[in-house]
Amino acid sequence: MLFQRMNSNGTEEADEKIYGRGTSDMKSGLVACALAMVSLNEEGLPKKEEIILFATVGEEAGAVGARRLT
């Protein structure tokens, strides 16, 4: 099995797919949030407040990105 021989910090390509830590994560959810924000902006929303999208990196390696927000 591919995952049994992989370095946990590396990536490997096999059968036109990329395997490794962080290759799927929340990328689709992040894009969905960003597109929702674009859509709201195009509609002129919100009327009173800003919407800010925070995204961090390094969740598998000590939450490096989240620590910089605090």
C-alpha atoms as a PDB file:
ATOM      1  CA  MET A   1       0.000   0.000   0.000  1.00  0.00           C
ATOM      2  CA  LEU A   2       1.271   3.449  -0.918  1.00  0.00           C
ATOM      3  CA  PHE A   3       0.787   5.050   2.507  1.00  0.00           C
ATOM      4  CA  GLN A   4       2.758   2.338   4.279  1.00  0.00           C
ATOM      5  CA  ARG A   5       5.948   3.179   2.394  1.00  0.00           C
ATOM      6  CA  MET A   6       5.599   6.970   2.311  1.00  0.00           C
ATOM      7  CA  ASN A   7       7.515   9.483   4.346  1.00  0.00           C
ATOM      8  CA  SER A   8       4.894  11.176   6.539  1.00  0.00           C
ATOM      9  CA  ASN A   9       6.235  14.629   5.623  1.00  0.00           C
ATOM     10  CA  GLY A  10       6.589  14.011   1.902  1.00  0.00           C
ATOM     11  CA  THR A  11       4.359  13.598  -1.084  1.00  0.00           C
ATOM     12  CA  GLU A  12       4.295  11.007  -3.801  1.00  0.00           C
ATOM     13  CA  GLU A  13       2.607  10.851  -7.177  1.00  0.00           C
ATOM     14  CA  ALA A  14       1.084   7.581  -8.344  1.00  0.00           C
ATOM     15  CA  ASP A  15      -1.602   6.829 -10.928  1.00  0.00           C
ATOM     16  CA  GLU A  16      -1.952  10.552 -11.777  1.00  0.00           C
ATOM     17  CA  LYS A  17      -2.809  11.350  -8.133  1.00  0.00           C
ATOM     18  CA  ILE A  18      -0.799  13.113  -5.436  1.00  0.00           C
ATOM     19  CA  TYR A  19      -0.633  11.441  -2.031  1.00  0.00           C
ATOM     20  CA  GLY A  20       0.687  12.977   1.149  1.00  0.00           C
ATOM     21  CA  ARG A  21      -0.055  15.168   4.108  1.00  0.00           C
ATOM     22  CA  GLY A  22      -2.048  18.255   3.189  1.00  0.00           C
ATOM     23  CA  THR A  23      -2.954  17.216  -0.342  1.00  0.00           C
ATOM     24  CA  SER A  24      -6.691  17.425   0.279  1.00  0.00           C
ATOM     25  CA  ASP A  25      -7.422  18.909   3.722  1.00  0.00           C
ATOM     26  CA  MET A  26      -9.867  21.807   3.612  1.00  0.00           C
ATOM     27  CA  LYS A  27      -8.927  23.230   0.258  1.00  0.00           C
ATOM     28  CA  SER A  28     -12.413  22.761  -1.212  1.00  0.00           C
ATOM     29  CA  GLY A  29     -14.023  24.274   1.889  1.00  0.00           C
ATOM     30  CA  LEU A  30     -11.686  27.257   1.729  1.00  0.00           C
ATOM     31  CA  VAL A  31     -12.512  27.833  -1.935  1.00  0.00           C
ATOM     32  CA  ALA A  32     -16.248  27.551  -1.160  1.00  0.00           C
ATOM     33  CA  CYS A  33     -15.897  30.236   1.536  1.00  0.00           C
ATOM     34  CA  ALA A  34     -13.932  32.517  -0.777  1.00  0.00           C
ATOM     35  CA  LEU A  35     -16.474  32.122  -3.594  1.00  0.00           C
ATOM     36  CA  ALA A  36     -19.329  32.799  -1.165  1.00  0.00           C
ATOM     37  CA  MET A  37     -17.588  36.025  -0.151  1.00  0.00           C
ATOM     38  CA  VAL A  38     -17.216  37.037  -3.803  1.00  0.00           C
ATOM     39  CA  SER A  39     -20.896  36.324  -4.375  1.00  0.00           C
ATOM     40  CA  LEU A  40     -21.931  38.379  -1.329  1.00  0.00           C
ATOM     41  CA  ASN A  41     -19.736  41.238  -2.499  1.00  0.00           C
ATOM     42  CA  GLU A  42     -21.317  41.162  -5.960  1.00  0.00           C
ATOM     43  CA  GLU A  43     -24.741  41.406  -4.302  1.00  0.00           C
ATOM     44  CA  GLY A  44     -23.620  44.392  -2.247  1.00  0.00           C
ATOM     45  CA  LEU A  45     -23.715  42.492   1.040  1.00  0.00           C
ATOM     46  CA  PRO A  46     -23.200  42.856   3.922  1.00  0.00           C
ATOM     47  CA  LYS A  47     -24.668  46.321   4.243  1.00  0.00           C
ATOM     48  CA  LYS A  48     -23.172  47.338   7.601  1.00  0.00           C
ATOM     49  CA  GLU A  49     -20.154  45.194   8.496  1.00  0.00           C
ATOM     50  CA  GLU A  50     -17.147  43.628   6.830  1.00  0.00           C
ATOM     51  CA  ILE A  51     -16.651  39.922   6.364  1.00  0.00           C
ATOM     52  CA  ILE A  52     -13.071  38.785   6.859  1.00  0.00           C
ATOM     53  CA  LEU A  53     -11.847  35.336   5.866  1.00  0.00           C
ATOM     54  CA  PHE A  54      -9.000  33.992   7.969  1.00  0.00           C
ATOM     55  CA  ALA A  55      -7.122  30.968   6.681  1.00  0.00           C
ATOM     56  CA  THR A  56      -4.088  29.426   8.312  1.00  0.00           C
ATOM     57  CA  VAL A  57      -1.388  26.934   7.399  1.00  0.00           C
ATOM     58  CA  GLY A  58       0.604  24.350   9.266  1.00  0.00           C
ATOM     59  CA  GLU A  59      -2.181  22.622  11.156  1.00  0.00           C
ATOM     60  CA  GLU A  60      -0.267  19.341  11.015  1.00  0.00           C
ATOM     61  CA  ALA A  61       2.966  20.923  12.227  1.00  0.00           C
ATOM     62  CA  GLY A  62       2.130  22.678  15.470  1.00  0.00           C
ATOM     63  CA  ALA A  63      -0.568  25.071  14.211  1.00  0.00           C
ATOM     64  CA  VAL A  64       2.056  27.568  13.074  1.00  0.00           C
ATOM     65  CA  GLY A  65      -0.441  29.718  11.162  1.00  0.00           C
ATOM     66  CA  ALA A  66      -3.023  29.820  13.956  1.00  0.00           C
ATOM     67  CA  ARG A  67      -0.400  30.874  16.489  1.00  0.00           C
ATOM     68  CA  ARG A  68       0.466  33.932  14.408  1.00  0.00           C
ATOM     69  CA  LEU A  69      -3.156  35.107  14.628  1.00  0.00           C
ATOM     70  CA  THR A  70      -3.111  35.249  18.422  1.00  0.00           C
END
